[in-house]
N, C-alpha and C. Protein backbone atom coordinates (compact mmCIF):
# COMPACT_ATOMS: atom_id res chain seq x y z
N UNK A 1 0.77 -1.13 0.15
CA UNK A 1 -0.05 0.04 0.00
C UNK A 1 1.03 1.26 0.04
N UNK A 2 1.96 1.32 0.82
CA UNK A 2 2.99 2.35 0.57
C UNK A 2 3.33 2.76 -0.68
N UNK A 3 3.53 1.55 -1.61
CA UNK A 3 3.99 1.76 -3.01
C UNK A 3 2.85 2.60 -3.82
N UNK A 4 1.62 2.31 -3.47
CA UNK A 4 0.45 2.71 -4.23
C UNK A 4 0.25 4.15 -3.80
N UNK A 5 0.52 4.69 -2.67
CA UNK A 5 0.32 5.94 -1.99
C UNK A 5 1.64 6.78 -2.72
N UNK A 6 2.63 6.37 -2.68
CA UNK A 6 3.85 7.02 -3.39
C UNK A 6 3.35 7.21 -5.04
N UNK A 7 3.11 6.24 -5.57
CA UNK A 7 2.68 6.53 -6.94
C UNK A 7 1.63 7.37 -7.13
N UNK A 8 0.62 7.57 -6.23
CA UNK A 8 -0.52 8.25 -6.47
C UNK A 8 -0.14 9.80 -6.35
N UNK A 9 0.75 10.04 -5.34
CA UNK A 9 1.41 11.27 -5.00
C UNK A 9 2.07 11.76 -6.11
N UNK A 10 2.86 11.00 -6.80
CA UNK A 10 3.70 11.29 -7.82
C UNK A 10 2.63 11.62 -9.24
N UNK A 11 1.37 11.07 -9.23
CA UNK A 11 0.59 11.29 -10.22
C UNK A 11 0.06 12.87 -10.25
N UNK A 12 0.06 13.35 -8.85
CA UNK A 12 -0.70 14.57 -8.82
C UNK A 12 -1.98 14.57 -8.40
N UNK A 13 -2.61 15.71 -8.18
CA UNK A 13 -3.91 16.15 -7.67
C UNK A 13 -4.80 15.62 -8.61
N UNK A 14 -6.00 14.95 -8.17
CA UNK A 14 -7.08 14.60 -8.97
C UNK A 14 -8.28 14.38 -8.37
N UNK A 15 -8.40 15.16 -7.41
CA UNK A 15 -9.77 15.24 -6.52
C UNK A 15 -9.76 16.50 -5.62
N UNK A 16 -10.85 17.08 -5.36
CA UNK A 16 -11.12 18.33 -4.71
C UNK A 16 -10.16 19.44 -4.51
N UNK A 17 -9.73 19.67 -5.55
CA UNK A 17 -8.89 20.92 -5.84
C UNK A 17 -7.35 20.70 -5.26
N UNK A 18 -7.13 20.05 -4.25
CA UNK A 18 -5.67 19.52 -3.86
C UNK A 18 -5.28 18.27 -3.07
N UNK A 19 -6.46 17.35 -3.54
CA UNK A 19 -6.10 15.93 -2.93
C UNK A 19 -6.07 14.97 -4.13
N UNK A 20 -5.77 14.00 -3.45
CA UNK A 20 -5.19 12.80 -4.40
C UNK A 20 -6.06 11.50 -3.98
N UNK A 21 -6.92 10.88 -4.81
CA UNK A 21 -7.59 9.64 -4.47
C UNK A 21 -6.60 8.42 -4.97
N UNK A 22 -6.22 7.60 -3.89
CA UNK A 22 -5.23 6.50 -4.47
C UNK A 22 -6.17 5.20 -4.26
N UNK A 23 -5.88 4.33 -4.90
CA UNK A 23 -6.82 2.98 -4.72
C UNK A 23 -5.66 1.74 -5.09
N UNK A 24 -6.09 0.44 -4.54
CA UNK A 24 -5.67 -0.55 -4.81
C UNK A 24 -6.30 -1.86 -4.84
N UNK A 25 -6.46 -2.90 -5.30
CA UNK A 25 -7.10 -4.05 -5.29
C UNK A 25 -7.24 -4.80 -4.12
N UNK A 26 -8.06 -5.41 -3.51
CA UNK A 26 -7.96 -6.15 -2.27
C UNK A 26 -8.57 -7.61 -2.45
N UNK A 27 -8.81 -7.94 -3.88
CA UNK A 27 -9.11 -9.21 -4.11
C UNK A 27 -10.15 -9.09 -5.39
N UNK A 28 -10.75 -10.22 -5.48
CA UNK A 28 -11.92 -10.19 -6.84
C UNK A 28 -12.92 -9.43 -6.42
N UNK A 29 -13.15 -8.06 -7.20
CA UNK A 29 -14.20 -7.27 -6.74
C UNK A 29 -14.27 -6.41 -5.65
N UNK A 30 -13.12 -6.26 -5.25
CA UNK A 30 -12.73 -5.64 -3.94
C UNK A 30 -11.79 -4.28 -4.28
N UNK A 31 -11.86 -3.19 -3.73
CA UNK A 31 -10.99 -2.30 -3.80
C UNK A 31 -10.84 -1.54 -2.47
N UNK A 32 -9.79 -1.19 -2.08
CA UNK A 32 -9.30 -0.15 -1.20
C UNK A 32 -8.64 0.97 -1.40
N UNK A 33 -8.82 2.09 -0.56
CA UNK A 33 -8.20 3.42 -1.03
C UNK A 33 -7.91 4.46 0.12
N UNK A 34 -7.31 5.45 -0.41
CA UNK A 34 -7.04 6.64 0.78
C UNK A 34 -7.14 7.74 0.05
N UNK A 35 -7.10 8.80 0.66
CA UNK A 35 -7.07 10.32 -0.01
C UNK A 35 -5.78 10.96 0.84
N UNK A 36 -5.19 11.36 -0.12
CA UNK A 36 -3.96 12.34 0.07
C UNK A 36 -4.22 13.86 0.20
N UNK A 37 -3.64 14.43 0.90
CA UNK A 37 -3.79 15.95 0.95
C UNK A 37 -2.26 16.42 -0.01
N UNK A 38 -2.29 16.68 -1.05
CA UNK A 38 -1.00 17.02 -1.72
C UNK A 38 -0.13 18.10 -1.27
N UNK A 39 -0.83 19.18 -0.42
CA UNK A 39 -0.25 20.16 0.23
C UNK A 39 0.93 19.83 1.37
N UNK A 40 0.36 18.76 2.13
CA UNK A 40 1.17 18.45 3.12
C UNK A 40 1.58 16.83 3.20
N UNK A 41 0.92 16.15 2.54
CA UNK A 41 1.27 14.84 2.56
C UNK A 41 0.38 13.88 3.44
N UNK A 42 -0.38 14.64 4.16
CA UNK A 42 -1.34 13.74 5.22
C UNK A 42 -2.41 12.81 4.39
N UNK A 43 -2.40 11.60 5.00
CA UNK A 43 -3.10 10.68 4.28
C UNK A 43 -4.43 10.26 5.29
N UNK A 44 -5.39 10.28 4.45
CA UNK A 44 -6.87 10.03 5.29
C UNK A 44 -7.40 8.70 4.80
N UNK A 45 -7.92 7.96 5.69
CA UNK A 45 -8.27 6.46 5.48
C UNK A 45 -9.97 6.59 5.83
N UNK A 46 -10.72 7.26 4.72
CA UNK A 46 -12.22 7.23 4.93
C UNK A 46 -12.70 5.62 4.82
N UNK A 47 -13.69 5.37 5.91
CA UNK A 47 -14.17 3.99 5.75
C UNK A 47 -14.96 3.51 4.57
N UNK A 48 -15.48 4.20 3.80
CA UNK A 48 -16.21 4.03 2.56
C UNK A 48 -15.37 3.26 1.72
N UNK A 49 -13.88 4.06 1.46
CA UNK A 49 -12.90 3.44 0.73
C UNK A 49 -12.00 2.10 1.23
N UNK A 50 -12.56 1.42 2.38
CA UNK A 50 -11.78 0.35 2.93
C UNK A 50 -12.54 -0.95 2.44
N UNK A 51 -12.04 -1.57 1.69
CA UNK A 51 -12.31 -2.92 1.16
C UNK A 51 -13.75 -2.90 0.76
N UNK A 52 -14.04 -1.96 -0.41
CA UNK A 52 -15.27 -1.68 -0.66
C UNK A 52 -15.82 -2.78 -1.79
N UNK A 53 -16.93 -3.31 -2.04
CA UNK A 53 -17.35 -4.18 -2.78
C UNK A 53 -17.61 -3.51 -4.24
N UNK A 54 -17.08 -4.00 -5.20
CA UNK A 54 -17.38 -3.22 -6.73
C UNK A 54 -18.68 -4.02 -7.18
N UNK A 55 -19.70 -3.11 -7.68
CA UNK A 55 -20.99 -3.51 -8.11
C UNK A 55 -20.82 -4.36 -9.33
N UNK A 56 -21.59 -5.62 -9.28
CA UNK A 56 -21.34 -6.59 -10.32
C UNK A 56 -22.85 -6.65 -11.05
N UNK A 57 -22.94 -6.41 -12.29
CA UNK A 57 -24.29 -6.58 -12.79
C UNK A 57 -24.74 -8.02 -13.44
N UNK A 58 -24.00 -9.08 -13.02
CA UNK A 58 -24.30 -10.34 -13.40
C UNK A 58 -23.25 -10.91 -14.53
N UNK A 59 -22.86 -10.04 -15.26
CA UNK A 59 -21.90 -10.36 -16.41
C UNK A 59 -20.48 -9.49 -16.16
N UNK A 60 -20.54 -8.39 -15.68
CA UNK A 60 -19.27 -7.49 -15.63
C UNK A 60 -19.28 -6.65 -14.36
N UNK A 61 -18.08 -6.28 -13.94
CA UNK A 61 -18.01 -5.23 -12.60
C UNK A 61 -18.30 -3.95 -13.20
N UNK A 62 -18.41 -2.94 -12.46
CA UNK A 62 -18.77 -1.57 -12.89
C UNK A 62 -17.34 -1.10 -13.37
N UNK A 63 -17.56 -0.27 -14.40
CA UNK A 63 -16.40 0.24 -15.34
C UNK A 63 -15.61 1.30 -14.34
N UNK A 64 -16.44 2.10 -13.54
CA UNK A 64 -15.84 3.11 -12.80
C UNK A 64 -16.23 2.86 -11.29
N UNK A 65 -15.97 2.08 -10.60
CA UNK A 65 -16.44 1.77 -8.97
C UNK A 65 -16.44 3.06 -8.38
N UNK A 66 -15.28 3.80 -8.52
CA UNK A 66 -15.09 5.07 -7.52
C UNK A 66 -14.89 6.22 -8.72
N UNK A 67 -15.58 7.04 -8.80
CA UNK A 67 -15.51 8.28 -9.50
C UNK A 67 -15.42 9.63 -8.81
N UNK A 68 -14.63 10.66 -9.44
CA UNK A 68 -14.44 11.92 -8.90
C UNK A 68 -13.86 12.59 -9.98
N UNK A 69 -13.80 14.09 -9.47
CA UNK A 69 -13.07 14.86 -10.40
C UNK A 69 -12.30 15.84 -9.78
N UNK A 70 -11.17 16.39 -10.41
CA UNK A 70 -10.17 17.36 -9.96
C UNK A 70 -10.65 18.37 -8.96
N UNK A 71 -12.02 19.18 -9.70
CA UNK A 71 -12.23 20.27 -9.18
C UNK A 71 -13.69 20.05 -8.53
N UNK A 72 -13.90 18.83 -7.92
CA UNK A 72 -15.26 18.79 -7.12
C UNK A 72 -14.93 17.94 -5.87
N UNK A 73 -15.74 18.33 -4.84
CA UNK A 73 -15.87 17.49 -3.62
C UNK A 73 -16.51 16.47 -3.66
N UNK A 74 -17.34 15.99 -4.89
CA UNK A 74 -18.22 14.86 -4.91
C UNK A 74 -17.49 13.48 -5.15
N UNK A 75 -17.67 12.36 -4.49
CA UNK A 75 -17.00 11.24 -4.89
C UNK A 75 -18.06 10.20 -4.95
N UNK A 76 -18.16 9.26 -6.04
CA UNK A 76 -19.06 8.33 -6.09
C UNK A 76 -18.90 6.76 -6.13
N UNK A 77 -19.23 6.22 -5.26
CA UNK A 77 -18.91 4.56 -5.18
C UNK A 77 -20.17 3.73 -5.78
N UNK A 78 -19.71 2.98 -6.75
CA UNK A 78 -20.74 2.16 -7.58
C UNK A 78 -20.33 0.77 -6.75
N UNK A 79 -21.32 0.30 -5.87
CA UNK A 79 -21.11 -1.02 -5.22
C UNK A 79 -21.40 -0.69 -3.96
N UNK A 80 -20.66 -1.50 -3.09
CA UNK A 80 -21.08 -1.31 -1.47
C UNK A 80 -19.67 -0.83 -0.73
N UNK A 81 -20.05 0.24 -0.07
CA UNK A 81 -18.87 0.93 0.72
C UNK A 81 -18.33 0.13 1.69
N UNK A 82 -17.21 0.33 2.16
CA UNK A 82 -16.65 -0.33 3.31
C UNK A 82 -17.49 -0.04 4.62
N UNK A 83 -17.24 -1.05 5.51
CA UNK A 83 -17.79 -1.06 6.70
C UNK A 83 -16.88 -1.49 7.95
N UNK A 84 -17.50 -1.00 9.21
CA UNK A 84 -16.42 -1.73 10.27
C UNK A 84 -16.43 -2.99 10.54
N UNK A 85 -15.51 -3.73 11.12
CA UNK A 85 -15.63 -5.16 11.12
C UNK A 85 -16.64 -5.88 11.36
N UNK A 86 -17.65 -5.18 12.49
CA UNK A 86 -18.74 -5.65 12.98
C UNK A 86 -20.03 -5.56 12.45
N UNK A 87 -19.87 -4.64 11.29
CA UNK A 87 -21.18 -4.23 10.73
C UNK A 87 -21.48 -5.28 9.63
N UNK A 88 -22.68 -5.17 9.24
CA UNK A 88 -23.16 -5.94 8.17
C UNK A 88 -22.98 -5.00 6.85
N UNK A 89 -22.59 -5.72 5.76
CA UNK A 89 -22.41 -5.13 4.50
C UNK A 89 -23.59 -4.41 4.06
N UNK A 90 -23.49 -3.15 3.50
CA UNK A 90 -24.32 -2.22 3.08
C UNK A 90 -24.90 -2.73 1.73
N UNK A 91 -26.10 -2.50 1.27
CA UNK A 91 -26.92 -2.61 0.26
C UNK A 91 -26.06 -2.09 -1.12
N UNK A 92 -26.05 -2.84 -2.31
CA UNK A 92 -25.40 -2.52 -3.35
C UNK A 92 -26.12 -1.12 -4.13
N UNK A 93 -25.38 -0.35 -4.52
CA UNK A 93 -25.96 0.75 -5.12
C UNK A 93 -24.93 1.90 -5.36
N UNK A 94 -25.23 3.10 -5.94
CA UNK A 94 -24.64 4.27 -6.18
C UNK A 94 -24.53 5.06 -4.68
N UNK A 95 -23.30 5.34 -4.34
CA UNK A 95 -23.22 5.90 -2.94
C UNK A 95 -22.87 7.45 -3.17
N UNK A 96 -23.26 8.46 -3.15
CA UNK A 96 -22.77 10.01 -3.46
C UNK A 96 -22.04 10.35 -2.19
N UNK A 97 -20.97 10.78 -2.14
CA UNK A 97 -20.25 11.32 -0.88
C UNK A 97 -19.79 12.55 -1.30
N UNK A 98 -19.72 13.64 -0.20
CA UNK A 98 -19.06 14.84 -0.14
C UNK A 98 -17.80 14.84 0.61
N UNK A 99 -16.87 15.42 0.18
CA UNK A 99 -15.34 15.25 0.82
C UNK A 99 -15.52 16.70 1.64
N UNK A 100 -15.58 16.60 3.03
CA UNK A 100 -15.76 17.65 3.86
C UNK A 100 -15.12 17.63 5.28
N UNK A 101 -14.26 18.45 5.62
CA UNK A 101 -13.71 18.30 7.17
C UNK A 101 -12.69 16.99 6.93
N UNK A 102 -12.04 16.51 5.85
CA UNK A 102 -11.25 15.51 5.70
C UNK A 102 -11.84 14.08 6.01
N UNK A 103 -13.13 14.06 5.57
CA UNK A 103 -13.77 12.75 5.57
C UNK A 103 -15.05 12.71 4.65
N UNK A 104 -15.40 11.56 4.29
CA UNK A 104 -16.46 11.39 3.18
C UNK A 104 -18.00 11.52 3.92
N UNK A 105 -18.85 12.34 3.48
CA UNK A 105 -20.22 12.27 4.26
C UNK A 105 -21.09 11.83 3.11
N UNK A 106 -22.03 10.92 3.26
CA UNK A 106 -22.94 10.39 2.57
C UNK A 106 -23.89 11.40 2.26
N UNK A 107 -24.44 11.78 1.10
CA UNK A 107 -25.37 12.63 0.79
C UNK A 107 -26.49 12.22 -0.02
N UNK A 108 -26.33 10.97 -0.54
CA UNK A 108 -27.22 10.36 -1.22
C UNK A 108 -27.18 8.97 -1.64
N UNK A 109 -28.03 8.05 -1.63
CA UNK A 109 -27.81 6.58 -2.00
C UNK A 109 -28.80 6.11 -2.92
N UNK A 110 -28.60 5.52 -4.05
CA UNK A 110 -29.57 4.82 -4.96
C UNK A 110 -29.32 3.39 -5.14
N UNK A 111 -30.32 2.74 -4.77
CA UNK A 111 -29.76 1.25 -4.82
C UNK A 111 -29.87 0.71 -6.52
N UNK A 112 -29.02 -0.29 -6.65
CA UNK A 112 -28.66 -0.97 -7.85
C UNK A 112 -29.04 -2.29 -7.55
N UNK A 113 -29.38 -3.03 -8.57
CA UNK A 113 -29.60 -4.60 -8.65
C UNK A 113 -28.89 -5.17 -9.70
N UNK A 114 -28.44 -6.35 -9.41
CA UNK A 114 -27.68 -7.21 -10.40
C UNK A 114 -28.80 -7.83 -11.38
N UNK A 115 -28.43 -8.17 -12.62
CA UNK A 115 -29.37 -8.70 -13.48
C UNK A 115 -29.48 -10.31 -13.29
């Protein structure tokens, strides 16, 4: 994971003005990630990016399981966001988060069903 963070930092800002979203695989249909502040190198570990389940429509996985833009605080997860160890997995869908106060805050959820 340290290598992926270093590679992401070298790639430059890609989220919310001065942040970098870094991600890596954690198994079939699983992605983990972190958000780096490019100004000072601080790394944030938002729970929704921890071992999130990528949406599967019955034939293929989502093309963009995590989407975001350089000049937007909106981050969208298509699948099932990460949960604490003792929590039940969240339903599959599109989760819309706002990056605020160095954390992701859920603003909308739209359920999705596999075919």
